[in-house]
């Protein structure tokens, strides 16, 4: 039995990625970095963001750790920066 032939779609559109509400406790660093607005918020509050995300021991865990959890690790993200990130993410 031959496989059926399907005509190419004429009305297909690339799906648009919807941005979700980012929170410091409920969103991972990976989610913040994947969202252009979230990345801009992190860059404005964390001057060393490029250094932070390139730490070899931390890099594999960015999709699991939230900014709040990174503030609890000690020195990676300050508690004040977390408050400012939360405030800016609520504004958008």
Protein backbone atom coordinates (compact mmCIF):
# COMPACT_ATOMS: atom_id res chain seq x y z
CA UNK A 1 0.00 0.00 0.00
CA UNK A 2 1.39 3.39 -0.96
CA UNK A 3 1.52 6.31 1.40
CA UNK A 4 -1.12 8.98 0.74
CA UNK A 5 -0.09 12.14 -1.04
CA UNK A 6 -0.96 15.40 0.65
CA UNK A 7 -1.04 18.77 -1.05
CA UNK A 8 1.16 21.46 0.43
CA UNK A 9 -0.56 23.86 2.78
CA UNK A 10 -1.35 27.22 1.25
CA UNK A 11 -2.37 29.05 4.44
CA UNK A 12 0.26 27.93 6.92
CA UNK A 13 1.73 30.63 9.14
CA UNK A 14 4.69 30.44 11.48
CA UNK A 15 3.35 30.14 15.05
CA UNK A 16 4.03 33.16 17.23
CA UNK A 17 5.58 32.62 20.63
CA UNK A 18 3.41 34.16 23.32
CA UNK A 19 5.31 35.68 26.17
CA UNK A 20 4.21 34.49 29.55
CA UNK A 21 4.25 36.51 32.72
CA UNK A 22 7.69 36.16 34.24
CA UNK A 23 8.11 36.06 38.02
CA UNK A 24 11.30 35.83 40.03
CA UNK A 25 10.08 32.81 41.97
CA UNK A 26 8.12 30.98 39.29
CA UNK A 27 10.22 31.47 36.15
CA UNK A 28 13.65 30.05 35.49
CA UNK A 29 16.64 32.09 34.40
CA UNK A 30 16.38 30.25 31.09
CA UNK A 31 12.83 31.56 30.61
CA UNK A 32 13.96 35.10 31.42
CA UNK A 33 16.85 34.79 28.95
CA UNK A 34 14.65 33.34 26.18
CA UNK A 35 12.21 36.26 26.41
CA UNK A 36 13.66 39.47 24.87
CA UNK A 37 11.96 41.70 27.45
CA UNK A 38 12.98 39.38 30.29
CA UNK A 39 16.58 39.41 29.07
CA UNK A 40 16.53 43.23 28.95
CA UNK A 41 15.23 43.35 32.53
CA UNK A 42 17.98 41.01 33.71
CA UNK A 43 20.67 42.96 31.84
CA UNK A 44 19.50 46.24 33.39
CA UNK A 45 19.58 44.87 36.94
CA UNK A 46 22.51 42.46 36.69
CA UNK A 47 25.51 44.17 35.10
CA UNK A 48 27.47 40.90 35.16
CA UNK A 49 24.74 38.81 33.52
CA UNK A 50 27.01 37.53 30.75
CA UNK A 51 29.51 36.38 33.37
CA UNK A 52 26.80 34.79 35.51
CA UNK A 53 25.33 32.74 32.67
CA UNK A 54 28.76 31.59 31.53
CA UNK A 55 29.82 30.08 34.88
CA UNK A 56 30.45 26.43 33.93
CA UNK A 57 29.01 24.99 37.17
CA UNK A 58 25.88 27.15 36.88
CA UNK A 59 25.21 26.94 33.13
CA UNK A 60 23.49 23.51 33.13
CA UNK A 61 21.09 24.63 35.88
CA UNK A 62 19.81 27.90 34.38
CA UNK A 63 16.65 26.20 33.11
CA UNK A 64 15.89 24.98 36.63
CA UNK A 65 16.93 27.90 38.84
CA UNK A 66 14.85 31.05 39.26
CA UNK A 67 16.38 34.46 40.04
CA UNK A 68 15.01 34.07 43.57
CA UNK A 69 16.86 30.76 44.01
CA UNK A 70 20.06 32.33 42.66
CA UNK A 71 19.77 35.06 45.28
CA UNK A 72 19.75 32.34 47.94
CA UNK A 73 22.87 30.64 46.58
CA UNK A 74 24.98 33.46 47.89
CA UNK A 75 26.33 36.36 45.93
CA UNK A 76 25.12 35.37 42.48
CA UNK A 77 22.09 37.71 42.52
CA UNK A 78 21.46 40.21 45.32
CA UNK A 79 18.12 40.34 47.14
CA UNK A 80 17.70 43.99 46.10
CA UNK A 81 18.17 43.07 42.44
CA UNK A 82 15.51 40.36 42.80
CA UNK A 83 13.02 42.93 44.13
CA UNK A 84 13.75 45.30 41.24
CA UNK A 85 13.50 42.46 38.67
CA UNK A 86 10.13 41.43 40.14
CA UNK A 87 8.85 45.03 40.00
CA UNK A 88 9.96 45.50 36.38
CA UNK A 89 8.53 42.16 35.26
CA UNK A 90 5.14 43.11 36.73
CA UNK A 91 5.18 46.42 34.80
CA UNK A 92 5.35 44.78 31.39
